Amino acid sequence: MTGRIVVGYTANESGADALALATRIAAASEALLDVVMVLPSEARNSVVPADTGYERFLKEQSRTWLTEASDALGDDVAQSLHVRYAESFAEGLIAAAHEFGASLIVVGAARGGLLGRSRIGSVANELLHSSDVPVALAPSGAREVSAGQGVTRITAAIGTRPGADVLLEASVSLARATQAPLRLVSLVPVDLPAGMDEELAALTGTVHADEVLAAARRELPANLDATAVAATGATIEEAVQGLDWHAGELVFVASSRLAAPHHLFLGSTAAKMLRELPVPMIVVPRTTH
């Protein structure tokens, strides 16, 4: 997950959160950061009188905002600033990711979300339904975490459903690039039938976690620090709350099995996790083999 990272920037708190998260990942993985502002295609619409300078004003204002954001980043991260036109913000970010060969798109949560939590807005929602590039969701307040925090751990919500192999590959790639330990989390105990004996549920979850780690280790680099745990709880939300989280952690989840091949869609389990996670989530498109 190294190379180039596209961050969708807007001159507000959500944009600052996205920029902060993208900067932290880029710094930790030595990736190039492409800061992109997307302007509406209507700005070029011939209906707008040319003598108003509307397009020029928008572009100049965007450049000013980008320059201010760039100055705030300092010299620790290699960066490139871009203004693009598209029918939607999400469409412009996906096009930019394809143009630059980026391995990740970073956007902020919708405004009004709880501090430290992500709330999916219209841009993130469109990305999660259409992107063929992994998408990172920066929770509210991500701008308060310094770039120096780095990436302290990668957690991957691993299962046996389609997409697990791609998720593992993406998780390992970023763990290696950032030299962060990898934690594999199984949510199987939470999905067991209601009323099942608690001790049996715990045993089943532990066995599954061991199986997941054993299978994953066959694909892992020999020098990668990896562990596996089984999350427990009556609900997904309770299971997420019961896990320990690092301030500099990132969580990988696979897109829903209902998503079109190579595209994202946030499944119900991931959506429930997102509401409780105190750290950023990265959604990885599934593929078919």
C-alpha atoms as a PDB file:
ATOM      1  CA  MET A   1       0.000   0.000   0.000  1.00  0.00           C
ATOM      2  CA  THR A   2       2.882   2.345  -0.747  1.00  0.00           C
ATOM      3  CA  GLY A   3       3.428   4.549  -3.770  1.00  0.00           C
ATOM      4  CA  ARG A   4       0.844   7.334  -3.942  1.00  0.00           C
ATOM      5  CA  ILE A   5      -2.094   8.333  -1.768  1.00  0.00           C
ATOM      6  CA  VAL A   6      -4.940  10.578  -2.932  1.00  0.00           C
ATOM      7  CA  VAL A   7      -6.645  12.702  -0.293  1.00  0.00           C
ATOM      8  CA  GLY A   8      -9.870  14.521  -1.057  1.00  0.00           C
ATOM      9  CA  TYR A   9      -9.365  17.953   0.459  1.00  0.00           C
ATOM     10  CA  THR A  10     -12.009  20.497   1.432  1.00  0.00           C
ATOM     11  CA  ALA A  11     -11.362  23.685   3.375  1.00  0.00           C
ATOM     12  CA  ASN A  12     -13.218  22.614   6.522  1.00  0.00           C
ATOM     13  CA  GLU A  13     -12.761  20.335   9.541  1.00  0.00           C
ATOM     14  CA  SER A  14     -13.605  17.202   7.559  1.00  0.00           C
ATOM     15  CA  GLY A  15     -10.940  18.088   5.003  1.00  0.00           C
ATOM     16  CA  ALA A  16      -8.428  18.760   7.776  1.00  0.00           C
ATOM     17  CA  ASP A  17      -9.181  15.320   9.265  1.00  0.00           C
ATOM     18  CA  ALA A  18      -8.683  13.631   5.890  1.00  0.00           C
ATOM     19  CA  LEU A  19      -5.441  15.509   5.251  1.00  0.00           C
ATOM     20  CA  ALA A  20      -4.090  14.658   8.708  1.00  0.00           C
ATOM     21  CA  LEU A  21      -4.802  10.944   8.312  1.00  0.00           C
ATOM     22  CA  ALA A  22      -3.409  10.829   4.782  1.00  0.00           C
ATOM     23  CA  THR A  23      -0.285  12.663   5.934  1.00  0.00           C
ATOM     24  CA  ARG A  24       0.240  10.217   8.787  1.00  0.00           C
ATOM     25  CA  ILE A  25      -0.060   7.203   6.484  1.00  0.00           C
ATOM     26  CA  ALA A  26       2.112   8.800   3.804  1.00  0.00           C
ATOM     27  CA  ALA A  27       4.814   9.725   6.319  1.00  0.00           C
ATOM     28  CA  ALA A  28       4.849   6.245   7.838  1.00  0.00           C
ATOM     29  CA  SER A  29       4.966   4.482   4.445  1.00  0.00           C
ATOM     30  CA  GLU A  30       7.098   7.070   2.588  1.00  0.00           C
ATOM     31  CA  ALA A  31       4.368   7.488  -0.016  1.00  0.00           C
ATOM     32  CA  LEU A  32       3.738  10.536  -2.211  1.00  0.00           C
ATOM     33  CA  LEU A  33       0.659  12.473  -1.124  1.00  0.00           C
ATOM     34  CA  ASP A  34      -1.605  13.845  -3.880  1.00  0.00           C
ATOM     35  CA  VAL A  35      -3.850  16.519  -2.357  1.00  0.00           C
ATOM     36  CA  VAL A  36      -6.886  16.904  -4.618  1.00  0.00           C
ATOM     37  CA  MET A  37      -9.668  19.480  -4.634  1.00  0.00           C
ATOM     38  CA  VAL A  38     -12.553  18.623  -6.927  1.00  0.00           C
ATOM     39  CA  LEU A  39     -14.599  21.417  -8.459  1.00  0.00           C
ATOM     40  CA  PRO A  40     -18.034  20.851  -9.991  1.00  0.00           C
ATOM     41  CA  SER A  41     -18.125  20.434 -13.761  1.00  0.00           C
ATOM     42  CA  GLU A  42     -20.792  23.134 -13.837  1.00  0.00           C
ATOM     43  CA  ALA A  43     -17.994  25.622 -13.201  1.00  0.00           C
ATOM     44  CA  ARG A  44     -17.066  25.094 -16.841  1.00  0.00           C
ATOM     45  CA  ASN A  45     -20.637  25.157 -18.066  1.00  0.00           C
ATOM     46  CA  SER A  46     -21.161  27.531 -20.972  1.00  0.00           C
ATOM     47  CA  VAL A  47     -24.344  28.790 -19.283  1.00  0.00           C
ATOM     48  CA  VAL A  48     -22.137  30.753 -16.881  1.00  0.00           C
ATOM     49  CA  PRO A  49     -21.137  34.028 -18.569  1.00  0.00           C
ATOM     50  CA  ALA A  50     -17.421  33.929 -19.357  1.00  0.00           C
ATOM     51  CA  ASP A  51     -16.870  37.562 -18.294  1.00  0.00           C
ATOM     52  CA  THR A  52     -17.838  36.781 -14.680  1.00  0.00           C
ATOM     53  CA  GLY A  53     -14.546  34.965 -14.176  1.00  0.00           C
ATOM     54  CA  TYR A  54     -16.448  32.345 -12.202  1.00  0.00           C
ATOM     55  CA  GLU A  55     -14.218  29.439 -13.165  1.00  0.00           C
ATOM     56  CA  ARG A  56     -11.068  31.496 -12.618  1.00  0.00           C
ATOM     57  CA  PHE A  57     -12.266  32.610  -9.180  1.00  0.00           C
ATOM     58  CA  LEU A  58     -13.057  29.040  -8.094  1.00  0.00           C
ATOM     59  CA  LYS A  59      -9.723  27.730  -9.304  1.00  0.00           C
ATOM     60  CA  GLU A  60      -7.742  30.544  -7.686  1.00  0.00           C
ATOM     61  CA  GLN A  61      -9.605  30.091  -4.406  1.00  0.00           C
ATOM     62  CA  SER A  62      -8.992  26.339  -4.534  1.00  0.00           C
ATOM     63  CA  ARG A  63      -5.300  26.920  -5.199  1.00  0.00           C
ATOM     64  CA  THR A  64      -5.152  29.247  -2.195  1.00  0.00           C
ATOM     65  CA  TRP A  65      -6.748  26.636   0.054  1.00  0.00           C
ATOM     66  CA  LEU A  66      -4.425  23.936  -1.279  1.00  0.00           C
ATOM     67  CA  THR A  67      -1.360  26.117  -0.713  1.00  0.00           C
ATOM     68  CA  GLU A  68      -2.438  26.862   2.853  1.00  0.00           C
ATOM     69  CA  ALA A  69      -2.964  23.138   3.480  1.00  0.00           C
ATOM     70  CA  SER A  70       0.422  22.348   1.930  1.00  0.00           C
ATOM     71  CA  ASP A  71       2.203  24.934   4.066  1.00  0.00           C
ATOM     72  CA  ALA A  72       0.677  23.375   7.173  1.00  0.00           C
ATOM     73  CA  LEU A  73       2.101  19.973   6.208  1.00  0.00           C
ATOM     74  CA  GLY A  74       5.691  21.154   6.205  1.00  0.00           C
ATOM     75  CA  ASP A  75       8.471  19.299   4.412  1.00  0.00           C
ATOM     76  CA  ASP A  76       8.142  15.893   6.050  1.00  0.00           C
ATOM     77  CA  VAL A  77       5.896  14.440   3.337  1.00  0.00           C
ATOM     78  CA  ALA A  78       6.392  14.526  -0.428  1.00  0.00           C
ATOM     79  CA  GLN A  79       3.280  16.120  -1.857  1.00  0.00           C
ATOM     80  CA  SER A  80       1.622  17.300  -5.027  1.00  0.00           C
ATOM     81  CA  LEU A  81      -1.373  19.654  -5.288  1.00  0.00           C
ATOM     82  CA  HIS A  82      -4.174  19.246  -7.836  1.00  0.00           C
ATOM     83  CA  VAL A  83      -7.464  20.848  -8.879  1.00  0.00           C
ATOM     84  CA  ARG A  84      -9.811  18.613 -10.867  1.00  0.00           C
ATOM     85  CA  TYR A  85     -13.296  18.991 -12.378  1.00  0.00           C
ATOM     86  CA  ALA A  86     -15.926  16.254 -12.160  1.00  0.00           C
ATOM     87  CA  GLU A  87     -19.645  15.661 -11.901  1.00  0.00           C
ATOM     88  CA  SER A  88     -19.154  14.696  -8.244  1.00  0.00           C
ATOM     89  CA  PHE A  89     -16.429  14.875  -5.624  1.00  0.00           C
ATOM     90  CA  ALA A  90     -16.235  11.079  -5.444  1.00  0.00           C
ATOM     91  CA  GLU A  91     -15.984  10.723  -9.218  1.00  0.00           C
ATOM     92  CA  GLY A  92     -13.151  13.237  -9.292  1.00  0.00           C
ATOM     93  CA  LEU A  93     -11.224  11.403  -6.565  1.00  0.00           C
ATOM     94  CA  ILE A  94     -11.570   8.022  -8.282  1.00  0.00           C
ATOM     95  CA  ALA A  95     -10.404   9.540 -11.580  1.00  0.00           C
ATOM     96  CA  ALA A  96      -7.434  11.125  -9.800  1.00  0.00           C
ATOM     97  CA  ALA A  97      -6.535   7.824  -8.140  1.00  0.00           C
ATOM     98  CA  HIS A  98      -6.531   6.135 -11.551  1.00  0.00           C
ATOM     99  CA  GLU A  99      -4.515   8.984 -13.085  1.00  0.00           C
ATOM    100  CA  PHE A 100      -1.819   8.823 -10.418  1.00  0.00           C
ATOM    101  CA  GLY A 101      -1.877   5.067  -9.881  1.00  0.00           C
ATOM    102  CA  ALA A 102      -2.757   5.643  -6.224  1.00  0.00           C
ATOM    103  CA  SER A 103      -3.246   2.714  -3.869  1.00  0.00           C
ATOM    104  CA  LEU A 104      -5.499   4.577  -1.420  1.00  0.00           C
ATOM    105  CA  ILE A 105      -8.124   7.333  -1.349  1.00  0.00           C
ATOM    106  CA  VAL A 106      -8.598   9.202   1.951  1.00  0.00           C
ATOM    107  CA  VAL A 107     -11.704  11.233   2.809  1.00  0.00           C
ATOM    108  CA  GLY A 108     -13.078  12.762   5.987  1.00  0.00           C
ATOM    109  CA  ALA A 109     -16.200  11.799   7.877  1.00  0.00           C
ATOM    110  CA  ALA A 110     -19.374  13.813   7.511  1.00  0.00           C
ATOM    111  CA  ARG A 111     -19.573  16.895   9.698  1.00  0.00           C
ATOM    112  CA  GLY A 112     -21.540  16.556  12.910  1.00  0.00           C
ATOM    113  CA  GLY A 113     -20.182  13.143  13.854  1.00  0.00           C
ATOM    114  CA  LEU A 114     -19.022  12.239  17.349  1.00  0.00           C
ATOM    115  CA  LEU A 115     -15.411  13.048  18.145  1.00  0.00           C
ATOM    116  CA  GLY A 116     -13.206  10.100  17.239  1.00  0.00           C
ATOM    117  CA  ARG A 117     -15.966   8.370  15.256  1.00  0.00           C
ATOM    118  CA  SER A 118     -16.784   8.238  11.553  1.00  0.00           C
ATOM    119  CA  ARG A 119     -20.117   9.274  10.107  1.00  0.00           C
ATOM    120  CA  ILE A 120     -20.609   8.461   6.449  1.00  0.00           C
ATOM    121  CA  GLY A 121     -21.489  11.505   4.361  1.00  0.00           C
ATOM    122  CA  SER A 122     -22.561  11.705   0.734  1.00  0.00           C
ATOM    123  CA  VAL A 123     -18.995  11.687  -0.650  1.00  0.00           C
ATOM    124  CA  ALA A 124     -17.892   8.677   1.397  1.00  0.00           C
ATOM    125  CA  ASN A 125     -21.134   6.885   0.607  1.00  0.00           C
ATOM    126  CA  GLU A 126     -20.657   7.371  -3.144  1.00  0.00           C
ATOM    127  CA  LEU A 127     -17.027   6.246  -2.889  1.00  0.00           C
ATOM    128  CA  LEU A 128     -17.996   3.133  -0.942  1.00  0.00           C
ATOM    129  CA  HIS A 129     -20.450   2.193  -3.691  1.00  0.00           C
ATOM    130  CA  SER A 130     -18.252   2.910  -6.692  1.00  0.00           C
ATOM    131  CA  SER A 131     -14.519   2.969  -5.949  1.00  0.00           C
ATOM    132  CA  ASP A 132     -12.232   0.217  -7.174  1.00  0.00           C
ATOM    133  CA  VAL A 133      -9.451   1.659  -4.998  1.00  0.00           C
ATOM    134  CA  PRO A 134      -9.297   1.131  -1.195  1.00  0.00           C
ATOM    135  CA  VAL A 135     -10.911   3.999   0.730  1.00  0.00           C
ATOM    136  CA  ALA A 136      -9.799   5.268   4.152  1.00  0.00           C
ATOM    137  CA  LEU A 137     -12.363   7.079   6.295  1.00  0.00           C
ATOM    138  CA  ALA A 138     -10.857   9.673   8.620  1.00  0.00           C
ATOM    139  CA  PRO A 139     -12.906   9.955  11.838  1.00  0.00           C
ATOM    140  CA  SER A 140     -13.868  13.288  13.316  1.00  0.00           C
ATOM    141  CA  GLY A 141     -10.905  14.700  15.218  1.00  0.00           C
ATOM    142  CA  ALA A 142      -8.266  12.831  13.194  1.00  0.00           C
ATOM    143  CA  ARG A 143      -6.506  16.168  12.785  1.00  0.00           C
ATOM    144  CA  GLU A 144      -5.669  16.040  16.506  1.00  0.00           C
ATOM    145  CA  VAL A 145      -3.410  12.996  15.942  1.00  0.00           C
ATOM    146  CA  SER A 146       0.040  14.205  14.914  1.00  0.00           C
ATOM    147  CA  ALA A 147       1.843  12.823  11.894  1.00  0.00           C
ATOM    148  CA  GLY A 148       4.610  11.815  14.284  1.00  0.00           C
ATOM    149  CA  GLN A 149       2.240   9.258  15.820  1.00  0.00           C
ATOM    150  CA  GLY A 150       2.822   7.108  12.740  1.00  0.00           C
ATOM    151  CA  VAL A 151       0.966   3.851  12.265  1.00  0.00           C
ATOM    152  CA  THR A 152       1.317   1.845  15.460  1.00  0.00           C
ATOM    153  CA  ARG A 153      -0.690  -1.219  14.409  1.00  0.00           C
ATOM    154  CA  ILE A 154      -2.705  -2.610  11.514  1.00  0.00           C
ATOM    155  CA  THR A 155      -5.840  -4.558  12.427  1.00  0.00           C
ATOM    156  CA  ALA A 156      -7.550  -6.664   9.759  1.00  0.00           C
ATOM    157  CA  ALA A 157     -11.074  -8.011  10.299  1.00  0.00           C
ATOM    158  CA  ILE A 158     -10.418 -11.364   8.662  1.00  0.00           C
ATOM    159  CA  GLY A 159     -12.959 -14.038   7.824  1.00  0.00           C
ATOM    160  CA  THR A 160     -13.475 -16.868   5.369  1.00  0.00           C
ATOM    161  CA  ARG A 161     -15.853 -15.078   3.022  1.00  0.00           C
ATOM    162  CA  PRO A 162     -14.784 -13.901  -0.467  1.00  0.00           C
ATOM    163  CA  GLY A 163     -12.420 -10.967  -0.261  1.00  0.00           C
ATOM    164  CA  ALA A 164     -10.425 -12.168   2.758  1.00  0.00           C
ATOM    165  CA  ASP A 165      -7.341 -12.921   0.649  1.00  0.00           C
ATOM    166  CA  VAL A 166      -7.351  -9.447  -0.902  1.00  0.00           C
ATOM    167  CA  LEU A 167      -7.870  -7.873   2.506  1.00  0.00           C
ATOM    168  CA  LEU A 168      -4.931  -9.791   3.937  1.00  0.00           C
ATOM    169  CA  GLU A 169      -2.719  -8.759   1.034  1.00  0.00           C
ATOM    170  CA  ALA A 170      -3.557  -5.064   1.509  1.00  0.00           C
ATOM    171  CA  SER A 171      -3.066  -5.295   5.287  1.00  0.00           C
ATOM    172  CA  VAL A 172       0.298  -7.009   4.947  1.00  0.00           C
ATOM    173  CA  SER A 173       1.419  -4.471   2.348  1.00  0.00           C
ATOM    174  CA  LEU A 174       0.784  -1.493   4.605  1.00  0.00           C
ATOM    175  CA  ALA A 175       2.109  -3.271   7.694  1.00  0.00           C
ATOM    176  CA  ARG A 176       5.381  -3.925   5.906  1.00  0.00           C
ATOM    177  CA  ALA A 177       5.571  -0.394   4.513  1.00  0.00           C
ATOM    178  CA  THR A 178       4.986   1.183   7.926  1.00  0.00           C
ATOM    179  CA  GLN A 179       6.819  -1.517   9.930  1.00  0.00           C
ATOM    180  CA  ALA A 180       3.719  -1.862  12.099  1.00  0.00           C
ATOM    181  CA  PRO A 181       2.570  -5.119  13.717  1.00  0.00           C
ATOM    182  CA  LEU A 182      -0.445  -6.864  12.181  1.00  0.00           C
ATOM    183  CA  ARG A 183      -3.420  -8.003  14.252  1.00  0.00           C
ATOM    184  CA  LEU A 184      -6.002 -10.324  12.739  1.00  0.00           C
ATOM    185  CA  VAL A 185      -9.424 -10.082  14.364  1.00  0.00           C
ATOM    186  CA  SER A 186     -12.148 -12.687  14.005  1.00  0.00           C
ATOM    187  CA  LEU A 187     -15.725 -11.603  14.640  1.00  0.00           C
ATOM    188  CA  VAL A 188     -17.095 -15.142  14.280  1.00  0.00           C
ATOM    189  CA  PRO A 189     -18.214 -15.529  17.933  1.00  0.00           C
ATOM    190  CA  VAL A 190     -20.537 -12.552  17.489  1.00  0.00           C
ATOM    191  CA  ASP A 191     -22.223 -14.218  14.513  1.00  0.00           C
ATOM    192  CA  LEU A 192     -22.935 -17.530  16.265  1.00  0.00           C
ATOM    193  CA  PRO A 193     -26.564 -18.626  16.804  1.00  0.00           C
ATOM    194  CA  ALA A 194     -28.448 -16.914  19.637  1.00  0.00           C
ATOM    195  CA  GLY A 195     -28.617 -18.939  22.832  1.00  0.00           C
ATOM    196  CA  MET A 196     -25.456 -20.912  22.114  1.00  0.00           C
ATOM    197  CA  ASP A 197     -23.532 -21.958  25.229  1.00  0.00           C
ATOM    198  CA  GLU A 198     -21.060 -19.188  26.153  1.00  0.00           C
ATOM    199  CA  GLU A 199     -18.144 -21.537  26.802  1.00  0.00           C
ATOM    200  CA  LEU A 200     -18.726 -23.301  23.491  1.00  0.00           C
ATOM    201  CA  ALA A 201     -18.966 -19.933  21.744  1.00  0.00           C
ATOM    202  CA  ALA A 202     -15.650 -18.825  23.262  1.00  0.00           C
ATOM    203  CA  LEU A 203     -14.002 -22.115  22.265  1.00  0.00           C
ATOM    204  CA  THR A 204     -15.363 -21.871  18.732  1.00  0.00           C
ATOM    205  CA  GLY A 205     -14.092 -18.322  18.394  1.00  0.00           C
ATOM    206  CA  THR A 206     -10.640 -19.227  19.710  1.00  0.00           C
ATOM    207  CA  VAL A 207     -10.356 -22.191  17.356  1.00  0.00           C
ATOM    208  CA  HIS A 208     -11.398 -20.039  14.413  1.00  0.00           C
ATOM    209  CA  ALA A 209      -8.865 -17.341  15.330  1.00  0.00           C
ATOM    210  CA  ASP A 210      -6.140 -19.980  15.455  1.00  0.00           C
ATOM    211  CA  GLU A 211      -7.229 -21.301  12.058  1.00  0.00           C
ATOM    212  CA  VAL A 212      -7.248 -17.814  10.593  1.00  0.00           C
ATOM    213  CA  LEU A 213      -3.752 -17.053  11.868  1.00  0.00           C
ATOM    214  CA  ALA A 214      -2.416 -20.417  10.692  1.00  0.00           C
ATOM    215  CA  ALA A 215      -3.852 -19.869   7.211  1.00  0.00           C
ATOM    216  CA  ALA A 216      -2.651 -16.270   7.091  1.00  0.00           C
ATOM    217  CA  ARG A 217       0.876 -17.131   8.200  1.00  0.00           C
ATOM    218  CA  ARG A 218       1.312 -19.220   5.074  1.00  0.00           C
ATOM    219  CA  GLU A 219       0.955 -15.970   3.148  1.00  0.00           C
ATOM    220  CA  LEU A 220       2.841 -13.703   5.546  1.00  0.00           C
ATOM    221  CA  PRO A 221       6.470 -12.624   5.282  1.00  0.00           C
ATOM    222  CA  ALA A 222       8.577 -14.520   7.806  1.00  0.00           C
ATOM    223  CA  ASN A 223       9.648 -11.341   9.625  1.00  0.00           C
ATOM    224  CA  LEU A 224       6.164  -9.833  10.040  1.00  0.00           C
ATOM    225  CA  ASP A 225       4.875  -9.528  13.612  1.00  0.00           C
ATOM    226  CA  ALA A 226       1.332 -10.988  13.501  1.00  0.00           C
ATOM    227  CA  THR A 227      -1.201 -12.033  16.119  1.00  0.00           C
ATOM    228  CA  ALA A 228      -4.855 -13.161  16.026  1.00  0.00           C
ATOM    229  CA  VAL A 229      -7.689 -12.608  18.463  1.00  0.00           C
ATOM    230  CA  ALA A 230     -11.360 -13.525  18.552  1.00  0.00           C
ATOM    231  CA  ALA A 231     -13.650 -10.616  19.357  1.00  0.00           C
ATOM    232  CA  THR A 232     -16.454 -11.481  21.761  1.00  0.00           C
ATOM    233  CA  GLY A 233     -19.740  -9.831  22.616  1.00  0.00           C
ATOM    234  CA  ALA A 234     -23.470 -10.083  22.120  1.00  0.00           C
ATOM    235  CA  THR A 235     -23.312  -7.617  19.228  1.00  0.00           C
ATOM    236  CA  ILE A 236     -20.762  -6.306  16.740  1.00  0.00           C
ATOM    237  CA  GLU A 237     -20.763  -2.987  18.582  1.00  0.00           C
ATOM    238  CA  GLU A 238     -20.042  -4.697  21.902  1.00  0.00           C
ATOM    239  CA  ALA A 239     -17.275  -6.768  20.320  1.00  0.00           C
ATOM    240  CA  VAL A 240     -15.580  -3.666  18.920  1.00  0.00           C
ATOM    241  CA  GLN A 241     -15.827  -1.922  22.286  1.00  0.00           C
ATOM    242  CA  GLY A 242     -14.231  -4.928  23.971  1.00  0.00           C
ATOM    243  CA  LEU A 243     -11.055  -4.757  21.881  1.00  0.00           C
ATOM    244  CA  ASP A 244      -8.090  -2.564  22.736  1.00  0.00           C
ATOM    245  CA  TRP A 245      -7.192   0.164  20.245  1.00  0.00           C
ATOM    246  CA  HIS A 246      -3.994   2.160  19.722  1.00  0.00           C
ATOM    247  CA  ALA A 247      -4.112   5.876  18.970  1.00  0.00           C
ATOM    248  CA  GLY A 248      -2.149   5.294  15.770  1.00  0.00           C
ATOM    249  CA  GLU A 249      -4.036   2.194  14.628  1.00  0.00           C
ATOM    250  CA  LEU A 250      -5.726   1.509  11.269  1.00  0.00           C
ATOM    251  CA  VAL A 251      -8.474  -1.070  10.674  1.00  0.00           C
ATOM    252  CA  PHE A 252      -8.901  -2.921   7.374  1.00  0.00           C
ATOM    253  CA  VAL A 253     -12.224  -4.455   6.363  1.00  0.00           C
ATOM    254  CA  ALA A 254     -13.236  -6.135   3.113  1.00  0.00           C
ATOM    255  CA  SER A 255     -16.095  -4.764   1.054  1.00  0.00           C
ATOM    256  CA  SER A 256     -19.427  -6.555   1.191  1.00  0.00           C
ATOM    257  CA  ARG A 257     -19.818  -9.840  -0.664  1.00  0.00           C
ATOM    258  CA  LEU A 258     -22.800  -8.151  -2.334  1.00  0.00           C
ATOM    259  CA  ALA A 259     -20.547  -5.567  -3.957  1.00  0.00           C
ATOM    260  CA  ALA A 260     -19.719  -5.756  -7.642  1.00  0.00           C
ATOM    261  CA  PRO A 261     -16.311  -7.347  -8.303  1.00  0.00           C
ATOM    262  CA  HIS A 262     -13.417  -4.904  -7.785  1.00  0.00           C
ATOM    263  CA  HIS A 263     -15.746  -2.303  -6.240  1.00  0.00           C
ATOM    264  CA  LEU A 264     -16.561  -1.244  -2.705  1.00  0.00           C
ATOM    265  CA  PHE A 265     -19.727  -1.599  -0.707  1.00  0.00           C
ATOM    266  CA  LEU A 266     -19.867  -1.341   3.064  1.00  0.00           C
ATOM    267  CA  GLY A 267     -21.613  -4.407   4.487  1.00  0.00           C
ATOM    268  CA  SER A 268     -23.753  -4.401   7.627  1.00  0.00           C
ATOM    269  CA  THR A 269     -20.968  -5.744   9.880  1.00  0.00           C
ATOM    270  CA  ALA A 270     -18.478  -3.107   8.709  1.00  0.00           C
ATOM    271  CA  ALA A 271     -21.112  -0.370   9.034  1.00  0.00           C
ATOM    272  CA  LYS A 272     -21.759  -1.394  12.649  1.00  0.00           C
ATOM    273  CA  MET A 273     -18.009  -1.476  13.338  1.00  0.00           C
ATOM    274  CA  LEU A 274     -17.592   1.973  11.840  1.00  0.00           C
ATOM    275  CA  ARG A 275     -20.013   3.540  14.298  1.00  0.00           C
ATOM    276  CA  GLU A 276     -17.963   2.285  17.269  1.00  0.00           C
ATOM    277  CA  LEU A 277     -14.387   2.378  16.004  1.00  0.00           C
ATOM    278  CA  PRO A 278     -12.219   5.053  17.635  1.00  0.00           C
ATOM    279  CA  VAL A 279      -9.658   4.686  14.805  1.00  0.00           C
ATOM    280  CA  PRO A 280      -9.737   5.090  11.001  1.00  0.00           C
ATOM    281  CA  MET A 281     -11.206   2.336   8.811  1.00  0.00           C
ATOM    282  CA  ILE A 282      -9.889   1.308   5.377  1.00  0.00           C
ATOM    283  CA  VAL A 283     -12.304  -0.560   3.107  1.00  0.00           C
ATOM    284  CA  VAL A 284     -10.728  -2.842   0.490  1.00  0.00           C
ATOM    285  CA  PRO A 285     -12.533  -3.841  -2.722  1.00  0.00           C
ATOM    286  CA  ARG A 286     -13.079  -7.567  -3.134  1.00  0.00           C
ATOM    287  CA  THR A 287     -12.044  -9.369  -6.308  1.00  0.00           C
ATOM    288  CA  THR A 288     -13.081 -12.586  -7.982  1.00  0.00           C
ATOM    289  CA  HIS A 289     -10.636 -15.352  -8.804  1.00  0.00           C
END
